[in-house]
N, C-alpha and C. Protein backbone atom coordinates (compact mmCIF):
# COMPACT_ATOMS: atom_id res chain seq x y z
N MET A 1 -123.64 140.49 -61.54
CA MET A 1 -123.59 139.35 -60.63
C MET A 1 -122.21 139.18 -60.00
N ALA A 2 -121.29 140.06 -60.33
CA ALA A 2 -119.93 140.02 -59.77
C ALA A 2 -119.22 138.71 -60.09
N LEU A 3 -119.33 138.28 -61.35
CA LEU A 3 -118.73 137.01 -61.73
C LEU A 3 -117.53 137.12 -62.66
N CYS A 4 -117.29 138.28 -63.29
CA CYS A 4 -116.23 138.31 -64.29
C CYS A 4 -115.30 139.51 -64.21
N ALA A 5 -115.70 140.59 -63.60
CA ALA A 5 -114.90 141.80 -63.41
C ALA A 5 -114.62 142.58 -64.69
N THR A 6 -115.33 142.30 -65.77
CA THR A 6 -115.12 143.07 -67.00
C THR A 6 -115.68 144.49 -66.88
N CYS A 7 -116.45 144.74 -65.87
CA CYS A 7 -117.03 146.07 -65.67
C CYS A 7 -116.26 146.87 -64.62
N HIS A 8 -114.99 146.53 -64.41
CA HIS A 8 -114.16 147.22 -63.42
C HIS A 8 -114.09 148.72 -63.74
N VAL A 9 -114.37 149.53 -62.76
CA VAL A 9 -114.24 150.98 -62.89
C VAL A 9 -113.43 151.52 -61.71
N GLU A 10 -112.82 152.67 -61.93
CA GLU A 10 -112.14 153.38 -60.85
C GLU A 10 -112.96 154.62 -60.55
N VAL A 11 -113.38 154.78 -59.33
CA VAL A 11 -114.19 155.93 -58.95
C VAL A 11 -113.25 157.11 -58.72
N ILE A 12 -113.39 158.14 -59.54
CA ILE A 12 -112.52 159.32 -59.48
C ILE A 12 -113.01 160.30 -58.42
N SER A 13 -114.30 160.48 -58.34
CA SER A 13 -114.88 161.34 -57.29
C SER A 13 -116.22 160.78 -56.86
N GLY A 14 -116.54 160.98 -55.59
CA GLY A 14 -117.81 160.52 -55.05
C GLY A 14 -117.78 159.13 -54.47
N PHE A 15 -116.59 158.56 -54.28
CA PHE A 15 -116.49 157.19 -53.75
C PHE A 15 -117.22 157.06 -52.42
N ASP A 16 -117.14 158.09 -51.59
CA ASP A 16 -117.77 158.06 -50.26
C ASP A 16 -119.30 158.02 -50.33
N LYS A 17 -119.89 158.30 -51.48
CA LYS A 17 -121.34 158.28 -51.62
C LYS A 17 -121.88 156.89 -51.99
N LEU A 18 -120.99 155.97 -52.34
CA LEU A 18 -121.41 154.65 -52.79
C LEU A 18 -121.76 153.74 -51.62
N HIS A 19 -122.61 152.77 -51.90
CA HIS A 19 -122.92 151.75 -50.91
C HIS A 19 -121.67 150.94 -50.63
N PRO A 20 -121.55 150.36 -49.44
CA PRO A 20 -120.36 149.58 -49.12
C PRO A 20 -120.16 148.41 -50.08
N ILE A 21 -118.92 148.03 -50.28
CA ILE A 21 -118.58 146.93 -51.16
C ILE A 21 -118.95 145.60 -50.49
N SER A 22 -119.48 144.68 -51.26
CA SER A 22 -119.87 143.37 -50.71
C SER A 22 -118.67 142.43 -50.72
N ASP A 23 -118.77 141.35 -49.97
CA ASP A 23 -117.71 140.35 -49.95
C ASP A 23 -117.50 139.74 -51.34
N ASP A 24 -118.59 139.49 -52.07
CA ASP A 24 -118.48 138.92 -53.41
C ASP A 24 -117.77 139.87 -54.37
N GLU A 25 -118.12 141.15 -54.28
CA GLU A 25 -117.47 142.13 -55.14
C GLU A 25 -115.99 142.23 -54.81
N TRP A 26 -115.67 142.28 -53.53
CA TRP A 26 -114.27 142.37 -53.13
C TRP A 26 -113.49 141.14 -53.60
N ALA A 27 -114.07 139.96 -53.49
CA ALA A 27 -113.39 138.74 -53.93
C ALA A 27 -113.09 138.79 -55.42
N MET A 28 -113.99 139.33 -56.23
CA MET A 28 -113.75 139.42 -57.66
C MET A 28 -112.71 140.49 -57.97
N LEU A 29 -112.79 141.64 -57.31
CA LEU A 29 -111.80 142.69 -57.52
C LEU A 29 -110.40 142.21 -57.14
N ASP A 30 -110.33 141.39 -56.13
CA ASP A 30 -109.03 140.91 -55.65
C ASP A 30 -108.32 140.02 -56.67
N THR A 31 -109.02 139.59 -57.70
CA THR A 31 -108.40 138.77 -58.75
C THR A 31 -107.75 139.62 -59.84
N LEU A 32 -108.00 140.93 -59.82
CA LEU A 32 -107.49 141.82 -60.86
C LEU A 32 -106.11 142.36 -60.50
N PRO A 33 -105.24 142.51 -61.49
CA PRO A 33 -103.89 143.01 -61.21
C PRO A 33 -103.80 144.53 -61.04
N ASN A 34 -104.83 145.26 -61.48
CA ASN A 34 -104.72 146.72 -61.52
C ASN A 34 -105.77 147.44 -60.68
N ILE A 35 -106.14 146.88 -59.53
CA ILE A 35 -107.14 147.55 -58.71
C ILE A 35 -106.50 148.71 -57.95
N THR A 36 -107.34 149.66 -57.59
CA THR A 36 -106.92 150.81 -56.79
C THR A 36 -107.78 150.85 -55.54
N ASP A 37 -107.51 151.81 -54.68
CA ASP A 37 -108.31 151.97 -53.46
C ASP A 37 -109.75 152.35 -53.76
N THR A 38 -110.00 152.83 -54.98
CA THR A 38 -111.36 153.25 -55.34
C THR A 38 -111.92 152.40 -56.48
N SER A 39 -111.43 151.21 -56.65
CA SER A 39 -111.97 150.29 -57.67
C SER A 39 -113.31 149.75 -57.22
N ARG A 40 -114.20 149.60 -58.18
CA ARG A 40 -115.49 148.96 -57.96
C ARG A 40 -115.88 148.23 -59.24
N LEU A 41 -116.86 147.35 -59.12
CA LEU A 41 -117.44 146.71 -60.29
C LEU A 41 -118.68 147.50 -60.66
N GLY A 42 -118.72 147.99 -61.90
CA GLY A 42 -119.84 148.79 -62.34
C GLY A 42 -121.18 148.09 -62.16
N CYS A 43 -121.20 146.77 -62.36
CA CYS A 43 -122.45 146.03 -62.25
C CYS A 43 -122.97 145.96 -60.81
N GLN A 44 -122.13 146.31 -59.84
CA GLN A 44 -122.53 146.24 -58.44
C GLN A 44 -122.88 147.59 -57.84
N LEU A 45 -122.73 148.66 -58.63
CA LEU A 45 -123.05 149.99 -58.12
C LEU A 45 -124.55 150.21 -58.15
N ARG A 46 -125.10 150.46 -56.99
CA ARG A 46 -126.53 150.77 -56.88
C ARG A 46 -126.65 152.29 -56.76
N LEU A 47 -127.02 152.91 -57.83
CA LEU A 47 -127.05 154.37 -57.89
C LEU A 47 -128.43 154.92 -57.55
N ASP A 48 -128.41 156.13 -56.98
CA ASP A 48 -129.66 156.84 -56.73
C ASP A 48 -129.42 158.34 -56.96
N ASP A 49 -130.44 159.14 -56.78
CA ASP A 49 -130.35 160.58 -57.09
C ASP A 49 -129.31 161.33 -56.28
N SER A 50 -128.91 160.82 -55.13
CA SER A 50 -127.92 161.51 -54.30
C SER A 50 -126.51 161.37 -54.86
N MET A 51 -126.35 160.60 -55.92
CA MET A 51 -125.03 160.30 -56.44
C MET A 51 -124.77 160.98 -57.79
N ASN A 52 -125.40 162.12 -58.04
CA ASN A 52 -125.26 162.81 -59.31
C ASN A 52 -123.84 163.25 -59.64
N GLU A 53 -123.01 163.46 -58.66
CA GLU A 53 -121.67 164.00 -58.88
C GLU A 53 -120.58 162.93 -58.92
N ILE A 54 -120.93 161.67 -59.04
CA ILE A 54 -119.94 160.60 -59.10
C ILE A 54 -119.29 160.56 -60.48
N THR A 55 -117.96 160.43 -60.48
CA THR A 55 -117.21 160.32 -61.73
C THR A 55 -116.43 159.01 -61.69
N VAL A 56 -116.53 158.23 -62.76
CA VAL A 56 -115.79 156.98 -62.83
C VAL A 56 -114.95 156.93 -64.10
N LYS A 57 -113.86 156.20 -64.02
CA LYS A 57 -113.00 155.92 -65.17
C LYS A 57 -113.19 154.46 -65.50
N ILE A 58 -113.59 154.18 -66.72
CA ILE A 58 -113.82 152.81 -67.15
C ILE A 58 -112.48 152.17 -67.47
N SER A 59 -112.19 151.08 -66.79
CA SER A 59 -110.93 150.37 -67.03
C SER A 59 -111.10 149.43 -68.19
N GLY A 60 -110.00 149.08 -68.79
CA GLY A 60 -110.13 148.11 -69.85
C GLY A 60 -109.28 148.38 -70.96
């Protein structure tokens, strides 16, 4: 639901295959001190079969 950011991940590869970031997700990420250009919230990633090669680093 993009409410807490405990699922923050850094996308190592395949960032370009992800759906665009929503305003709500961006607002929550913007509260974190350690975001990168490829940060996303794991709970907001909508995955499908075309995204088999995505690699993420779990922050925390």
